[in-house]
């Protein structure tokens, strides 16, 4: 028996990959490249958005706090209220680096602190 990759409240990480990330006006900014899970809690810590580039050349990977994304079924993607300029200035992951080396988690938290919903 195959398990579903989506229910009313759940979605598999594999199905999240490739989902568009949209600005509040519905314009596509990029797409979810991957999600990073906290090993001990199993919670999603960050989404990694692929951003920019042409035909895969010059594409950057921006880790975003998962809490900054809101799934909007009618839009078919994740909406983010962070301005494009601020996203472009945010931390990036180089293809050759591991996502959290050299204080990456701290850089993500610091850069996006003002854009996250109150806990």
PDB file of N, CA and C in Angstrom:
ATOM      1  N   UNK A   1       0.836  -1.178   0.000  1.00  0.00           N
ATOM      2  CA  UNK A   1       0.000   0.000   0.000  1.00  0.00           C
ATOM      3  C   UNK A   1       0.883   1.245   0.000  1.00  0.00           C
ATOM      4  N   UNK A   2       0.666   2.138  -0.942  1.00  0.00           N
ATOM      5  CA  UNK A   2       1.427   3.385  -1.016  1.00  0.00           C
ATOM      6  C   UNK A   2       0.815   4.413  -0.085  1.00  0.00           C
ATOM      7  N   UNK A   3       1.672   5.115   0.657  1.00  0.00           N
ATOM      8  CA  UNK A   3       1.162   6.174   1.515  1.00  0.00           C
ATOM      9  C   UNK A   3       1.008   7.448   0.691  1.00  0.00           C
ATOM     10  N   UNK A   4       0.013   8.265   1.018  1.00  0.00           N
ATOM     11  CA  UNK A   4      -0.196   9.488   0.243  1.00  0.00           C
ATOM     12  C   UNK A   4       0.914  10.497   0.505  1.00  0.00           C
ATOM     13  N   UNK A   5       1.178  11.343  -0.470  1.00  0.00           N
ATOM     14  CA  UNK A   5       2.178  12.372  -0.253  1.00  0.00           C
ATOM     15  C   UNK A   5       1.554  13.692   0.179  1.00  0.00           C
ATOM     16  N   UNK A   6       0.213  13.687   0.335  1.00  0.00           N
ATOM     17  CA  UNK A   6      -0.458  14.892   0.808  1.00  0.00           C
ATOM     18  C   UNK A   6      -1.821  14.536   1.387  1.00  0.00           C
ATOM     19  N   UNK A   7      -2.138  15.172   2.512  1.00  0.00           N
ATOM     20  CA  UNK A   7      -3.466  15.069   3.106  1.00  0.00           C
ATOM     21  C   UNK A   7      -3.969  16.498   3.299  1.00  0.00           C
ATOM     22  N   UNK A   8      -5.068  16.652   3.992  1.00  0.00           N
ATOM     23  CA  UNK A   8      -5.590  18.001   4.236  1.00  0.00           C
ATOM     24  C   UNK A   8      -4.604  18.834   5.047  1.00  0.00           C
ATOM     25  N   UNK A   9      -3.915  18.217   6.002  1.00  0.00           N
ATOM     26  CA  UNK A   9      -3.014  18.971   6.881  1.00  0.00           C
ATOM     27  C   UNK A   9      -1.534  18.642   6.726  1.00  0.00           C
ATOM     28  N   UNK A  10      -1.182  17.614   5.969  1.00  0.00           N
ATOM     29  CA  UNK A  10       0.209  17.193   5.832  1.00  0.00           C
ATOM     30  C   UNK A  10       0.635  17.137   4.368  1.00  0.00           C
ATOM     31  N   UNK A  11       1.935  17.322   4.158  1.00  0.00           N
ATOM     32  CA  UNK A  11       2.500  17.186   2.810  1.00  0.00           C
ATOM     33  C   UNK A  11       3.907  16.618   2.955  1.00  0.00           C
ATOM     34  N   UNK A  12       4.306  15.771   2.046  1.00  0.00           N
ATOM     35  CA  UNK A  12       5.651  15.195   2.111  1.00  0.00           C
ATOM     36  C   UNK A  12       6.680  16.239   1.667  1.00  0.00           C
ATOM     37  N   UNK A  13       7.882  16.120   2.208  1.00  0.00           N
ATOM     38  CA  UNK A  13       8.956  17.043   1.840  1.00  0.00           C
ATOM     39  C   UNK A  13       9.222  16.974   0.339  1.00  0.00           C
ATOM     40  N   UNK A  14       9.126  15.779  -0.231  1.00  0.00           N
ATOM     41  CA  UNK A  14       9.354  15.626  -1.668  1.00  0.00           C
ATOM     42  C   UNK A  14       8.373  16.408  -2.509  1.00  0.00           C
ATOM     43  N   UNK A  15       7.149  16.534  -2.023  1.00  0.00           N
ATOM     44  CA  UNK A  15       6.156  17.288  -2.778  1.00  0.00           C
ATOM     45  C   UNK A  15       6.323  18.799  -2.576  1.00  0.00           C
ATOM     46  N   UNK A  16       6.893  19.204  -1.439  1.00  0.00           N
ATOM     47  CA  UNK A  16       7.153  20.626  -1.182  1.00  0.00           C
ATOM     48  C   UNK A  16       8.233  21.136  -2.135  1.00  0.00           C
ATOM     49  N   UNK A  17       9.232  20.296  -2.415  1.00  0.00           N
ATOM     50  CA  UNK A  17      10.304  20.701  -3.322  1.00  0.00           C
ATOM     51  C   UNK A  17       9.725  21.080  -4.680  1.00  0.00           C
ATOM     52  N   UNK A  18      10.153  22.225  -5.172  1.00  0.00           N
ATOM     53  CA  UNK A  18       9.680  22.717  -6.460  1.00  0.00           C
ATOM     54  C   UNK A  18       8.453  23.606  -6.363  1.00  0.00           C
ATOM     55  N   UNK A  19       7.867  23.731  -5.178  1.00  0.00           N
ATOM     56  CA  UNK A  19       6.698  24.589  -5.010  1.00  0.00           C
ATOM     57  C   UNK A  19       7.124  26.049  -5.101  1.00  0.00           C
ATOM     58  N   UNK A  20       6.382  26.874  -5.835  1.00  0.00           N
ATOM     59  CA  UNK A  20       6.754  28.285  -5.970  1.00  0.00           C
ATOM     60  C   UNK A  20       6.716  29.033  -4.641  1.00  0.00           C
ATOM     61  N   UNK A  21       7.607  30.027  -4.530  1.00  0.00           N
ATOM     62  CA  UNK A  21       7.575  30.996  -3.441  1.00  0.00           C
ATOM     63  C   UNK A  21       7.154  32.307  -4.090  1.00  0.00           C
ATOM     64  N   UNK A  22       6.092  32.905  -3.557  1.00  0.00           N
ATOM     65  CA  UNK A  22       5.467  34.076  -4.168  1.00  0.00           C
ATOM     66  C   UNK A  22       5.527  35.284  -3.250  1.00  0.00           C
ATOM     67  N   UNK A  23       5.573  36.472  -3.853  1.00  0.00           N
ATOM     68  CA  UNK A  23       5.456  37.693  -3.063  1.00  0.00           C
ATOM     69  C   UNK A  23       3.969  37.961  -2.813  1.00  0.00           C
ATOM     70  N   UNK A  24       3.617  38.938  -1.994  1.00  0.00           N
ATOM     71  CA  UNK A  24       2.197  39.183  -1.685  1.00  0.00           C
ATOM     72  C   UNK A  24       1.325  39.520  -2.902  1.00  0.00           C
ATOM     73  N   UNK A  25       1.944  39.960  -3.996  1.00  0.00           N
ATOM     74  CA  UNK A  25       1.189  40.252  -5.221  1.00  0.00           C
ATOM     75  C   UNK A  25       1.023  39.019  -6.106  1.00  0.00           C
ATOM     76  N   UNK A  26       1.581  37.892  -5.684  1.00  0.00           N
ATOM     77  CA  UNK A  26       1.444  36.658  -6.439  1.00  0.00           C
ATOM     78  C   UNK A  26       2.526  36.422  -7.472  1.00  0.00           C
ATOM     79  N   UNK A  27       3.561  37.256  -7.487  1.00  0.00           N
ATOM     80  CA  UNK A  27       4.674  37.076  -8.431  1.00  0.00           C
ATOM     81  C   UNK A  27       5.634  36.026  -7.884  1.00  0.00           C
ATOM     82  N   UNK A  28       6.119  35.170  -8.751  1.00  0.00           N
ATOM     83  CA  UNK A  28       7.040  34.116  -8.346  1.00  0.00           C
ATOM     84  C   UNK A  28       8.426  34.694  -8.091  1.00  0.00           C
ATOM     85  N   UNK A  29       8.946  34.406  -6.886  1.00  0.00           N
ATOM     86  CA  UNK A  29      10.286  34.848  -6.512  1.00  0.00           C
ATOM     87  C   UNK A  29      11.307  33.739  -6.723  1.00  0.00           C
ATOM     88  N   UNK A  30      10.876  32.510  -6.573  1.00  0.00           N
ATOM     89  CA  UNK A  30      11.750  31.353  -6.661  1.00  0.00           C
ATOM     90  C   UNK A  30      10.927  30.123  -6.364  1.00  0.00           C
ATOM     91  N   UNK A  31      11.587  29.076  -5.911  1.00  0.00           N
ATOM     92  CA  UNK A  31      10.873  27.854  -5.544  1.00  0.00           C
ATOM     93  C   UNK A  31      11.574  27.186  -4.379  1.00  0.00           C
ATOM     94  N   UNK A  32      10.850  26.332  -3.690  1.00  0.00           N
ATOM     95  CA  UNK A  32      11.439  25.586  -2.587  1.00  0.00           C
ATOM     96  C   UNK A  32      12.382  24.544  -3.179  1.00  0.00           C
ATOM     97  N   UNK A  33      13.647  24.655  -2.850  1.00  0.00           N
ATOM     98  CA  UNK A  33      14.652  23.699  -3.300  1.00  0.00           C
ATOM     99  C   UNK A  33      14.699  22.509  -2.346  1.00  0.00           C
ATOM    100  N   UNK A  34      14.602  22.793  -1.055  1.00  0.00           N
ATOM    101  CA  UNK A  34      14.669  21.733  -0.052  1.00  0.00           C
ATOM    102  C   UNK A  34      14.163  22.274   1.271  1.00  0.00           C
ATOM    103  N   UNK A  35      14.011  21.404   2.233  1.00  0.00           N
ATOM    104  CA  UNK A  35      13.681  21.799   3.597  1.00  0.00           C
ATOM    105  C   UNK A  35      14.718  21.181   4.527  1.00  0.00           C
ATOM    106  N   UNK A  36      15.052  21.909   5.581  1.00  0.00           N
ATOM    107  CA  UNK A  36      16.017  21.436   6.565  1.00  0.00           C
ATOM    108  C   UNK A  36      15.245  21.108   7.840  1.00  0.00           C
ATOM    109  N   UNK A  37      15.428  19.882   8.325  1.00  0.00           N
ATOM    110  CA  UNK A  37      14.719  19.410   9.513  1.00  0.00           C
ATOM    111  C   UNK A  37      15.638  19.431  10.726  1.00  0.00           C
ATOM    112  N   UNK A  38      15.055  19.777  11.876  1.00  0.00           N
ATOM    113  CA  UNK A  38      15.795  19.647  13.124  1.00  0.00           C
ATOM    114  C   UNK A  38      15.826  18.160  13.470  1.00  0.00           C
ATOM    115  N   UNK A  39      17.004  17.607  13.603  1.00  0.00           N
ATOM    116  CA  UNK A  39      17.137  16.162  13.819  1.00  0.00           C
ATOM    117  C   UNK A  39      16.457  15.694  15.100  1.00  0.00           C
ATOM    118  N   UNK A  40      16.566  16.454  16.150  1.00  0.00           N
ATOM    119  CA  UNK A  40      16.043  15.995  17.439  1.00  0.00           C
ATOM    120  C   UNK A  40      14.546  16.172  17.583  1.00  0.00           C
ATOM    121  N   UNK A  41      13.977  17.226  16.990  1.00  0.00           N
ATOM    122  CA  UNK A  41      12.539  17.466  17.152  1.00  0.00           C
ATOM    123  C   UNK A  41      11.723  17.012  15.950  1.00  0.00           C
ATOM    124  N   UNK A  42      12.377  16.924  14.786  1.00  0.00           N
ATOM    125  CA  UNK A  42      11.662  16.566  13.569  1.00  0.00           C
ATOM    126  C   UNK A  42      10.948  17.739  12.928  1.00  0.00           C
ATOM    127  N   UNK A  43      11.019  18.916  13.526  1.00  0.00           N
ATOM    128  CA  UNK A  43      10.355  20.103  12.968  1.00  0.00           C
ATOM    129  C   UNK A  43      11.168  20.679  11.808  1.00  0.00           C
ATOM    130  N   UNK A  44      10.467  21.335  10.896  1.00  0.00           N
ATOM    131  CA  UNK A  44      11.155  22.033   9.810  1.00  0.00           C
ATOM    132  C   UNK A  44      11.754  23.295  10.388  1.00  0.00           C
ATOM    133  N   UNK A  45      13.050  23.459  10.216  1.00  0.00           N
ATOM    134  CA  UNK A  45      13.735  24.651  10.705  1.00  0.00           C
ATOM    135  C   UNK A  45      13.752  25.726   9.620  1.00  0.00           C
ATOM    136  N   UNK A  46      14.144  25.324   8.415  1.00  0.00           N
ATOM    137  CA  UNK A  46      14.279  26.272   7.327  1.00  0.00           C
ATOM    138  C   UNK A  46      13.867  25.654   6.016  1.00  0.00           C
ATOM    139  N   UNK A  47      13.402  26.515   5.129  1.00  0.00           N
ATOM    140  CA  UNK A  47      13.206  26.135   3.736  1.00  0.00           C
ATOM    141  C   UNK A  47      14.382  26.729   2.971  1.00  0.00           C
ATOM    142  N   UNK A  48      14.846  26.047   1.961  1.00  0.00           N
ATOM    143  CA  UNK A  48      15.899  26.582   1.105  1.00  0.00           C
ATOM    144  C   UNK A  48      15.243  26.925  -0.220  1.00  0.00           C
ATOM    145  N   UNK A  49      15.261  28.225  -0.561  1.00  0.00           N
ATOM    146  CA  UNK A  49      14.633  28.699  -1.787  1.00  0.00           C
ATOM    147  C   UNK A  49      15.696  28.899  -2.854  1.00  0.00           C
ATOM    148  N   UNK A  50      15.455  28.355  -4.044  1.00  0.00           N
ATOM    149  CA  UNK A  50      16.326  28.662  -5.174  1.00  0.00           C
ATOM    150  C   UNK A  50      15.812  29.963  -5.760  1.00  0.00           C
ATOM    151  N   UNK A  51      16.735  30.820  -6.142  1.00  0.00           N
ATOM    152  CA  UNK A  51      16.384  32.196  -6.462  1.00  0.00           C
ATOM    153  C   UNK A  51      17.269  32.700  -7.582  1.00  0.00           C
ATOM    154  N   UNK A  52      16.679  33.250  -8.632  1.00  0.00           N
ATOM    155  CA  UNK A  52      17.444  33.868  -9.703  1.00  0.00           C
ATOM    156  C   UNK A  52      18.060  32.864 -10.652  1.00  0.00           C
ATOM    157  N   UNK A  53      18.949  33.372 -11.479  1.00  0.00           N
ATOM    158  CA  UNK A  53      19.641  32.527 -12.445  1.00  0.00           C
ATOM    159  C   UNK A  53      18.820  32.295 -13.697  1.00  0.00           C
ATOM    160  N   UNK A  54      19.499  31.856 -14.730  1.00  0.00           N
ATOM    161  CA  UNK A  54      18.860  31.525 -16.001  1.00  0.00           C
ATOM    162  C   UNK A  54      19.317  30.132 -16.382  1.00  0.00           C
ATOM    163  N   UNK A  55      18.365  29.233 -16.617  1.00  0.00           N
ATOM    164  CA  UNK A  55      18.653  27.850 -16.964  1.00  0.00           C
ATOM    165  C   UNK A  55      19.584  27.188 -15.942  1.00  0.00           C
ATOM    166  N   UNK A  56      19.392  27.554 -14.670  1.00  0.00           N
ATOM    167  CA  UNK A  56      20.181  26.959 -13.604  1.00  0.00           C
ATOM    168  C   UNK A  56      21.540  27.603 -13.392  1.00  0.00           C
ATOM    169  N   UNK A  57      21.938  28.547 -14.256  1.00  0.00           N
ATOM    170  CA  UNK A  57      23.229  29.215 -14.126  1.00  0.00           C
ATOM    171  C   UNK A  57      23.033  30.490 -13.308  1.00  0.00           C
ATOM    172  N   UNK A  58      23.855  30.647 -12.287  1.00  0.00           N
ATOM    173  CA  UNK A  58      23.773  31.833 -11.445  1.00  0.00           C
ATOM    174  C   UNK A  58      22.692  31.748 -10.380  1.00  0.00           C
ATOM    175  N   UNK A  59      22.094  30.591 -10.223  1.00  0.00           N
ATOM    176  CA  UNK A  59      21.051  30.409  -9.226  1.00  0.00           C
ATOM    177  C   UNK A  59      21.670  30.440  -7.841  1.00  0.00           C
ATOM    178  N   UNK A  60      20.986  31.102  -6.900  1.00  0.00           N
ATOM    179  CA  UNK A  60      21.432  31.154  -5.516  1.00  0.00           C
ATOM    180  C   UNK A  60      20.435  30.404  -4.652  1.00  0.00           C
ATOM    181  N   UNK A  61      20.912  29.942  -3.535  1.00  0.00           N
ATOM    182  CA  UNK A  61      20.075  29.199  -2.596  1.00  0.00           C
ATOM    183  C   UNK A  61      20.009  29.963  -1.282  1.00  0.00           C
ATOM    184  N   UNK A  62      18.809  30.404  -0.945  1.00  0.00           N
ATOM    185  CA  UNK A  62      18.585  31.223   0.238  1.00  0.00           C
ATOM    186  C   UNK A  62      17.815  30.428   1.289  1.00  0.00           C
ATOM    187  N   UNK A  63      18.426  30.203   2.445  1.00  0.00           N
ATOM    188  CA  UNK A  63      17.682  29.564   3.528  1.00  0.00           C
ATOM    189  C   UNK A  63      16.740  30.583   4.163  1.00  0.00           C
ATOM    190  N   UNK A  64      15.487  30.183   4.324  1.00  0.00           N
ATOM    191  CA  UNK A  64      14.459  31.056   4.902  1.00  0.00           C
ATOM    192  C   UNK A  64      13.841  30.375   6.106  1.00  0.00           C
ATOM    193  N   UNK A  65      13.570  31.116   7.169  1.00  0.00           N
ATOM    194  CA  UNK A  65      12.862  30.497   8.288  1.00  0.00           C
ATOM    195  C   UNK A  65      11.507  29.973   7.808  1.00  0.00           C
ATOM    196  N   UNK A  66      11.200  28.758   8.166  1.00  0.00           N
ATOM    197  CA  UNK A  66       9.940  28.144   7.745  1.00  0.00           C
ATOM    198  C   UNK A  66       8.747  28.996   8.174  1.00  0.00           C
ATOM    199  N   UNK A  67       8.848  29.633   9.336  1.00  0.00           N
ATOM    200  CA  UNK A  67       7.750  30.447   9.865  1.00  0.00           C
ATOM    201  C   UNK A  67       7.462  31.666   8.993  1.00  0.00           C
ATOM    202  N   UNK A  68       8.382  32.047   8.111  1.00  0.00           N
ATOM    203  CA  UNK A  68       8.168  33.200   7.236  1.00  0.00           C
ATOM    204  C   UNK A  68       7.306  32.857   6.022  1.00  0.00           C
ATOM    205  N   UNK A  69       7.075  31.568   5.788  1.00  0.00           N
ATOM    206  CA  UNK A  69       6.302  31.115   4.632  1.00  0.00           C
ATOM    207  C   UNK A  69       4.890  30.733   5.048  1.00  0.00           C
ATOM    208  N   UNK A  70       3.935  31.056   4.200  1.00  0.00           N
ATOM    209  CA  UNK A  70       2.542  30.683   4.449  1.00  0.00           C
ATOM    210  C   UNK A  70       2.003  30.029   3.184  1.00  0.00           C
ATOM    211  N   UNK A  71       1.519  28.795   3.305  1.00  0.00           N
ATOM    212  CA  UNK A  71       0.980  28.115   2.131  1.00  0.00           C
ATOM    213  C   UNK A  71      -0.368  28.713   1.765  1.00  0.00           C
ATOM    214  N   UNK A  72      -0.532  29.080   0.502  1.00  0.00           N
ATOM    215  CA  UNK A  72      -1.777  29.668  -0.003  1.00  0.00           C
ATOM    216  C   UNK A  72      -2.287  28.752  -1.116  1.00  0.00           C
ATOM    217  N   UNK A  73      -3.271  27.899  -0.797  1.00  0.00           N
ATOM    218  CA  UNK A  73      -3.750  26.933  -1.786  1.00  0.00           C
ATOM    219  C   UNK A  73      -4.197  27.564  -3.104  1.00  0.00           C
ATOM    220  N   UNK A  74      -4.913  28.687  -3.037  1.00  0.00           N
ATOM    221  CA  UNK A  74      -5.402  29.316  -4.265  1.00  0.00           C
ATOM    222  C   UNK A  74      -4.267  29.810  -5.161  1.00  0.00           C
ATOM    223  N   UNK A  75      -3.132  30.139  -4.553  1.00  0.00           N
ATOM    224  CA  UNK A  75      -1.979  30.613  -5.322  1.00  0.00           C
ATOM    225  C   UNK A  75      -1.098  29.449  -5.768  1.00  0.00           C
ATOM    226  N   UNK A  76      -1.288  28.279  -5.155  1.00  0.00           N
ATOM    227  CA  UNK A  76      -0.485  27.110  -5.513  1.00  0.00           C
ATOM    228  C   UNK A  76       0.953  27.208  -5.060  1.00  0.00           C
ATOM    229  N   UNK A  77       1.189  27.965  -3.983  1.00  0.00           N
ATOM    230  CA  UNK A  77       2.556  28.102  -3.513  1.00  0.00           C
ATOM    231  C   UNK A  77       2.623  28.706  -2.137  1.00  0.00           C
ATOM    232  N   UNK A  78       3.841  28.994  -1.723  1.00  0.00           N
ATOM    233  CA  UNK A  78       4.104  29.590  -0.417  1.00  0.00           C
ATOM    234  C   UNK A  78       4.297  31.087  -0.589  1.00  0.00           C
ATOM    235  N   UNK A  79       3.522  31.862   0.151  1.00  0.00           N
ATOM    236  CA  UNK A  79       3.612  33.311   0.116  1.00  0.00           C
ATOM    237  C   UNK A  79       4.602  33.751   1.187  1.00  0.00           C
ATOM    238  N   UNK A  80       5.397  34.763   0.849  1.00  0.00           N
ATOM    239  CA  UNK A  80       6.342  35.328   1.802  1.00  0.00           C
ATOM    240  C   UNK A  80       6.210  36.845   1.758  1.00  0.00           C
ATOM    241  N   UNK A  81       6.170  37.457   2.922  1.00  0.00           N
ATOM    242  CA  UNK A  81       5.993  38.905   3.006  1.00  0.00           C
ATOM    243  C   UNK A  81       7.296  39.673   3.047  1.00  0.00           C
ATOM    244  N   UNK A  82       8.402  39.009   2.901  1.00  0.00           N
ATOM    245  CA  UNK A  82       9.708  39.670   2.932  1.00  0.00           C
ATOM    246  C   UNK A  82       9.981  40.254   1.547  1.00  0.00           C
ATOM    247  N   UNK A  83      10.316  41.554   1.468  1.00  0.00           N
ATOM    248  CA  UNK A  83      10.576  42.166   0.155  1.00  0.00           C
ATOM    249  C   UNK A  83      11.724  41.473  -0.593  1.00  0.00           C
ATOM    250  N   UNK A  84      11.610  41.463  -1.905  1.00  0.00           N
ATOM    251  CA  UNK A  84      12.603  40.810  -2.758  1.00  0.00           C
ATOM    252  C   UNK A  84      14.015  41.340  -2.482  1.00  0.00           C
ATOM    253  N   UNK A  85      14.151  42.641  -2.300  1.00  0.00           N
ATOM    254  CA  UNK A  85      15.474  43.213  -2.035  1.00  0.00           C
ATOM    255  C   UNK A  85      16.081  42.639  -0.761  1.00  0.00           C
ATOM    256  N   UNK A  86      15.256  42.459   0.264  1.00  0.00           N
ATOM    257  CA  UNK A  86      15.746  41.912   1.522  1.00  0.00           C
ATOM    258  C   UNK A  86      16.106  40.435   1.361  1.00  0.00           C
ATOM    259  N   UNK A  87      15.327  39.700   0.558  1.00  0.00           N
ATOM    260  CA  UNK A  87      15.666  38.303   0.282  1.00  0.00           C
ATOM    261  C   UNK A  87      17.007  38.202  -0.437  1.00  0.00           C
ATOM    262  N   UNK A  88      17.215  39.085  -1.411  1.00  0.00           N
ATOM    263  CA  UNK A  88      18.461  39.061  -2.178  1.00  0.00           C
ATOM    264  C   UNK A  88      19.672  39.365  -1.302  1.00  0.00           C
ATOM    265  N   UNK A  89      19.474  40.170  -0.254  1.00  0.00           N
ATOM    266  CA  UNK A  89      20.567  40.532   0.657  1.00  0.00           C
ATOM    267  C   UNK A  89      20.773  39.488   1.751  1.00  0.00           C
ATOM    268  N   UNK A  90      19.868  38.529   1.849  1.00  0.00           N
ATOM    269  CA  UNK A  90      19.934  37.527   2.908  1.00  0.00           C
ATOM    270  C   UNK A  90      21.039  36.519   2.706  1.00  0.00           C
ATOM    271  N   UNK A  91      21.264  35.705   3.723  1.00  0.00           N
ATOM    272  CA  UNK A  91      22.292  34.660   3.634  1.00  0.00           C
ATOM    273  C   UNK A  91      22.028  33.718   2.462  1.00  0.00           C
ATOM    274  N   UNK A  92      23.096  33.232   1.867  1.00  0.00           N
ATOM    275  CA  UNK A  92      22.981  32.256   0.779  1.00  0.00           C
ATOM    276  C   UNK A  92      23.830  31.035   1.114  1.00  0.00           C
ATOM    277  N   UNK A  93      23.487  29.935   0.479  1.00  0.00           N
ATOM    278  CA  UNK A  93      24.248  28.699   0.623  1.00  0.00           C
ATOM    279  C   UNK A  93      24.945  28.446  -0.702  1.00  0.00           C
ATOM    280  N   UNK A  94      26.236  28.349  -0.669  1.00  0.00           N
ATOM    281  CA  UNK A  94      26.994  28.026  -1.872  1.00  0.00           C
ATOM    282  C   UNK A  94      26.834  26.533  -2.145  1.00  0.00           C
ATOM    283  N   UNK A  95      26.885  26.146  -3.398  1.00  0.00           N
ATOM    284  CA  UNK A  95      26.728  24.737  -3.761  1.00  0.00           C
ATOM    285  C   UNK A  95      27.744  23.830  -3.065  1.00  0.00           C
ATOM    286  N   UNK A  96      28.921  24.349  -2.755  1.00  0.00           N
ATOM    287  CA  UNK A  96      29.975  23.530  -2.179  1.00  0.00           C
ATOM    288  C   UNK A  96      29.968  23.524  -0.656  1.00  0.00           C
ATOM    289  N   UNK A  97      29.142  24.352  -0.022  1.00  0.00           N
ATOM    290  CA  UNK A  97      29.145  24.470   1.436  1.00  0.00           C
ATOM    291  C   UNK A  97      28.001  23.680   2.050  1.00  0.00           C
ATOM    292  N   UNK A  98      28.201  23.287   3.287  1.00  0.00           N
ATOM    293  CA  UNK A  98      27.090  22.697   4.015  1.00  0.00           C
ATOM    294  C   UNK A  98      26.252  23.842   4.559  1.00  0.00           C
ATOM    295  N   UNK A  99      24.941  23.660   4.686  1.00  0.00           N
ATOM    296  CA  UNK A  99      24.057  24.770   5.026  1.00  0.00           C
ATOM    297  C   UNK A  99      24.355  25.511   6.325  1.00  0.00           C
ATOM    298  N   UNK A 100      24.909  24.852   7.317  1.00  0.00           N
ATOM    299  CA  UNK A 100      24.999  25.518   8.619  1.00  0.00           C
ATOM    300  C   UNK A 100      26.414  25.846   9.046  1.00  0.00           C
ATOM    301  N   UNK A 101      27.398  25.624   8.183  1.00  0.00           N
ATOM    302  CA  UNK A 101      28.756  25.906   8.617  1.00  0.00           C
ATOM    303  C   UNK A 101      28.986  27.403   8.755  1.00  0.00           C
ATOM    304  N   UNK A 102      29.968  27.754   9.558  1.00  0.00           N
ATOM    305  CA  UNK A 102      30.373  29.154   9.756  1.00  0.00           C
ATOM    306  C   UNK A 102      29.243  30.055  10.237  1.00  0.00           C
ATOM    307  N   UNK A 103      28.414  29.569  11.147  1.00  0.00           N
ATOM    308  CA  UNK A 103      27.384  30.403  11.757  1.00  0.00           C
ATOM    309  C   UNK A 103      26.182  30.719  10.882  1.00  0.00           C
ATOM    310  N   UNK A 104      25.889  29.883   9.882  1.00  0.00           N
ATOM    311  CA  UNK A 104      24.783  30.157   8.971  1.00  0.00           C
ATOM    312  C   UNK A 104      23.449  30.284   9.706  1.00  0.00           C
ATOM    313  N   UNK A 105      23.179  29.388  10.661  1.00  0.00           N
ATOM    314  CA  UNK A 105      21.895  29.448  11.373  1.00  0.00           C
ATOM    315  C   UNK A 105      21.727  30.783  12.077  1.00  0.00           C
ATOM    316  N   UNK A 106      22.779  31.279  12.695  1.00  0.00           N
ATOM    317  CA  UNK A 106      22.721  32.563  13.387  1.00  0.00           C
ATOM    318  C   UNK A 106      22.509  33.707  12.394  1.00  0.00           C
ATOM    319  N   UNK A 107      23.152  33.632  11.238  1.00  0.00           N
ATOM    320  CA  UNK A 107      22.994  34.674  10.214  1.00  0.00           C
ATOM    321  C   UNK A 107      21.564  34.722   9.697  1.00  0.00           C
ATOM    322  N   UNK A 108      20.946  33.556   9.530  1.00  0.00           N
ATOM    323  CA  UNK A 108      19.555  33.493   9.058  1.00  0.00           C
ATOM    324  C   UNK A 108      18.634  34.134  10.094  1.00  0.00           C
ATOM    325  N   UNK A 109      18.788  33.732  11.350  1.00  0.00           N
ATOM    326  CA  UNK A 109      17.943  34.278  12.419  1.00  0.00           C
ATOM    327  C   UNK A 109      18.101  35.786  12.521  1.00  0.00           C
ATOM    328  N   UNK A 110      19.328  36.273  12.473  1.00  0.00           N
ATOM    329  CA  UNK A 110      19.581  37.708  12.606  1.00  0.00           C
ATOM    330  C   UNK A 110      18.987  38.485  11.432  1.00  0.00           C
ATOM    331  N   UNK A 111      19.190  37.998  10.208  1.00  0.00           N
ATOM    332  CA  UNK A 111      18.726  38.730   9.028  1.00  0.00           C
ATOM    333  C   UNK A 111      17.200  38.818   8.964  1.00  0.00           C
ATOM    334  N   UNK A 112      16.502  37.739   9.303  1.00  0.00           N
ATOM    335  CA  UNK A 112      15.054  37.700   9.131  1.00  0.00           C
ATOM    336  C   UNK A 112      14.268  37.954  10.417  1.00  0.00           C
ATOM    337  N   UNK A 113      14.941  38.275  11.505  1.00  0.00           N
ATOM    338  CA  UNK A 113      14.284  38.443  12.809  1.00  0.00           C
ATOM    339  C   UNK A 113      13.065  39.364  12.729  1.00  0.00           C
ATOM    340  N   UNK A 114      13.170  40.489  12.095  1.00  0.00           N
ATOM    341  CA  UNK A 114      12.065  41.442  12.029  1.00  0.00           C
ATOM    342  C   UNK A 114      10.894  41.022  11.164  1.00  0.00           C
ATOM    343  N   UNK A 115      11.070  39.973  10.361  1.00  0.00           N
ATOM    344  CA  UNK A 115      10.020  39.530   9.446  1.00  0.00           C
ATOM    345  C   UNK A 115       9.236  38.327   9.958  1.00  0.00           C
ATOM    346  N   UNK A 116       9.663  37.779  11.066  1.00  0.00           N
ATOM    347  CA  UNK A 116       9.017  36.562  11.569  1.00  0.00           C
ATOM    348  C   UNK A 116       7.832  36.897  12.473  1.00  0.00           C
ATOM    349  N   UNK A 117       6.800  36.066  12.424  1.00  0.00           N
ATOM    350  CA  UNK A 117       5.669  36.280  13.334  1.00  0.00           C
ATOM    351  C   UNK A 117       6.120  36.075  14.780  1.00  0.00           C
ATOM    352  N   UNK A 118       5.476  36.775  15.697  1.00  0.00           N
ATOM    353  CA  UNK A 118       5.811  36.626  17.113  1.00  0.00           C
ATOM    354  C   UNK A 118       5.512  35.196  17.555  1.00  0.00           C
ATOM    355  N   UNK A 119       6.394  34.655  18.370  1.00  0.00           N
ATOM    356  CA  UNK A 119       6.236  33.276  18.833  1.00  0.00           C
ATOM    357  C   UNK A 119       5.165  33.153  19.886  1.00  0.00           C
TER     358      UNK A 119
END
